[in-house]
Amino acid sequence: MNNEQLRKSVERQVKRMQRAQQDRPTLLAQSIFLGTLSLLFILPILAGVYLGNWLDDKAQGYSVHWTIGLLILGIIVGMVNVYLYVRKHD
């Protein structure tokens, strides 16, 4: 390997390392990402429980059937939300 080839190889490696350093997510970016994931998961669950509880109060004799059913539906919707968000941002 002559000096010119060695210099070009080192320059390519330096550029690659600089790009990797710039592309590395910051702590703030990672925190925002995790916060978004938690909201995407928790909000459908809370909405399902709230709606289920309201429906159970309106329909006498059902006790917690709507709450449990919509809780499970909220968990499923939350998992799908998280999956789609992570797949989109990979």
Protein backbone atom coordinates (compact mmCIF):
# COMPACT_ATOMS: atom_id res chain seq x y z
CA MET A 1 0.00 0.00 0.00
CA ASN A 2 1.47 3.32 -0.96
CA ASN A 3 1.07 6.56 0.96
CA GLU A 4 -1.80 7.84 -1.23
CA GLN A 5 -3.91 4.73 -0.71
CA LEU A 6 -3.23 4.79 3.02
CA ARG A 7 -4.22 8.45 3.24
CA LYS A 8 -7.50 7.82 1.35
CA SER A 9 -8.31 4.84 3.54
CA VAL A 10 -7.74 6.85 6.72
CA GLU A 11 -9.83 9.75 5.37
CA ARG A 12 -12.73 7.37 4.63
CA GLN A 13 -12.53 5.90 8.10
CA VAL A 14 -12.45 9.36 9.69
CA LYS A 15 -15.50 10.46 7.68
CA ARG A 16 -17.33 7.27 8.67
CA MET A 17 -16.52 7.86 12.34
CA GLN A 18 -17.68 11.49 12.13
CA ARG A 19 -20.99 10.44 10.54
CA ALA A 20 -21.50 7.81 13.25
CA GLN A 21 -20.83 10.44 15.93
CA GLN A 22 -23.34 12.85 14.38
CA ASP A 23 -26.02 10.17 13.91
CA ARG A 24 -25.82 8.98 17.50
CA PRO A 25 -29.01 9.97 19.34
CA THR A 26 -28.66 12.27 22.32
CA LEU A 27 -30.06 11.58 25.76
CA LEU A 28 -32.86 14.05 25.08
CA ALA A 29 -33.77 12.35 21.79
CA GLN A 30 -33.82 8.95 23.49
CA SER A 31 -35.98 10.31 26.32
CA ILE A 32 -38.45 11.80 23.84
CA PHE A 33 -38.59 8.51 21.95
CA LEU A 34 -39.30 6.49 25.12
CA GLY A 35 -41.86 9.04 26.30
CA THR A 36 -43.67 8.82 22.98
CA LEU A 37 -43.67 5.03 23.15
CA SER A 38 -45.12 5.08 26.65
CA LEU A 39 -47.89 7.49 25.63
CA LEU A 40 -48.71 5.42 22.57
CA PHE A 41 -49.09 2.39 24.82
CA ILE A 42 -50.76 3.89 27.90
CA LEU A 43 -53.35 6.22 26.33
CA PRO A 44 -55.40 3.50 24.56
CA ILE A 45 -55.42 1.48 27.78
CA LEU A 46 -56.64 4.41 29.85
CA ALA A 47 -59.26 5.30 27.23
CA GLY A 48 -60.50 1.69 27.18
CA VAL A 49 -60.75 1.51 30.98
CA TYR A 50 -62.50 4.88 31.18
CA LEU A 51 -65.00 4.01 28.43
CA GLY A 52 -65.56 0.53 29.86
CA ASN A 53 -66.19 1.91 33.33
CA TRP A 54 -68.63 4.46 31.93
CA LEU A 55 -70.49 1.76 29.99
CA ASP A 56 -70.61 -0.49 33.07
CA ASP A 57 -72.13 2.35 35.07
CA LYS A 58 -74.77 2.93 32.37
CA ALA A 59 -75.73 -0.74 31.95
CA GLN A 60 -76.84 -2.19 35.28
CA GLY A 61 -76.01 -5.81 35.93
CA TYR A 62 -72.82 -6.00 33.86
CA SER A 63 -70.44 -5.16 36.75
CA VAL A 64 -67.02 -5.03 35.03
CA HIS A 65 -67.52 -6.83 31.72
CA TRP A 66 -67.10 -3.72 29.56
CA THR A 67 -64.14 -2.50 31.61
CA ILE A 68 -62.24 -5.78 31.26
CA GLY A 69 -63.08 -6.15 27.57
CA LEU A 70 -62.05 -2.62 26.67
CA LEU A 71 -58.94 -2.91 28.86
CA ILE A 72 -57.81 -5.90 26.79
CA LEU A 73 -58.67 -4.06 23.59
CA GLY A 74 -56.67 -1.03 24.82
CA ILE A 75 -53.63 -3.24 25.49
CA ILE A 76 -53.84 -4.70 21.99
CA VAL A 77 -54.23 -1.27 20.38
CA GLY A 78 -51.31 0.06 22.48
CA MET A 79 -49.05 -2.79 21.40
CA VAL A 80 -49.95 -2.23 17.74
CA ASN A 81 -49.26 1.51 18.13
CA VAL A 82 -45.82 0.85 19.63
CA TYR A 83 -44.98 -1.74 16.97
CA LEU A 84 -45.93 0.58 14.12
CA TYR A 85 -44.07 3.54 15.63
CA VAL A 86 -40.87 1.57 16.20
CA ARG A 87 -41.05 0.04 12.74
CA LYS A 88 -41.50 3.50 11.20
CA HIS A 89 -38.53 5.00 13.09
CA ASP A 90 -36.01 2.21 12.56
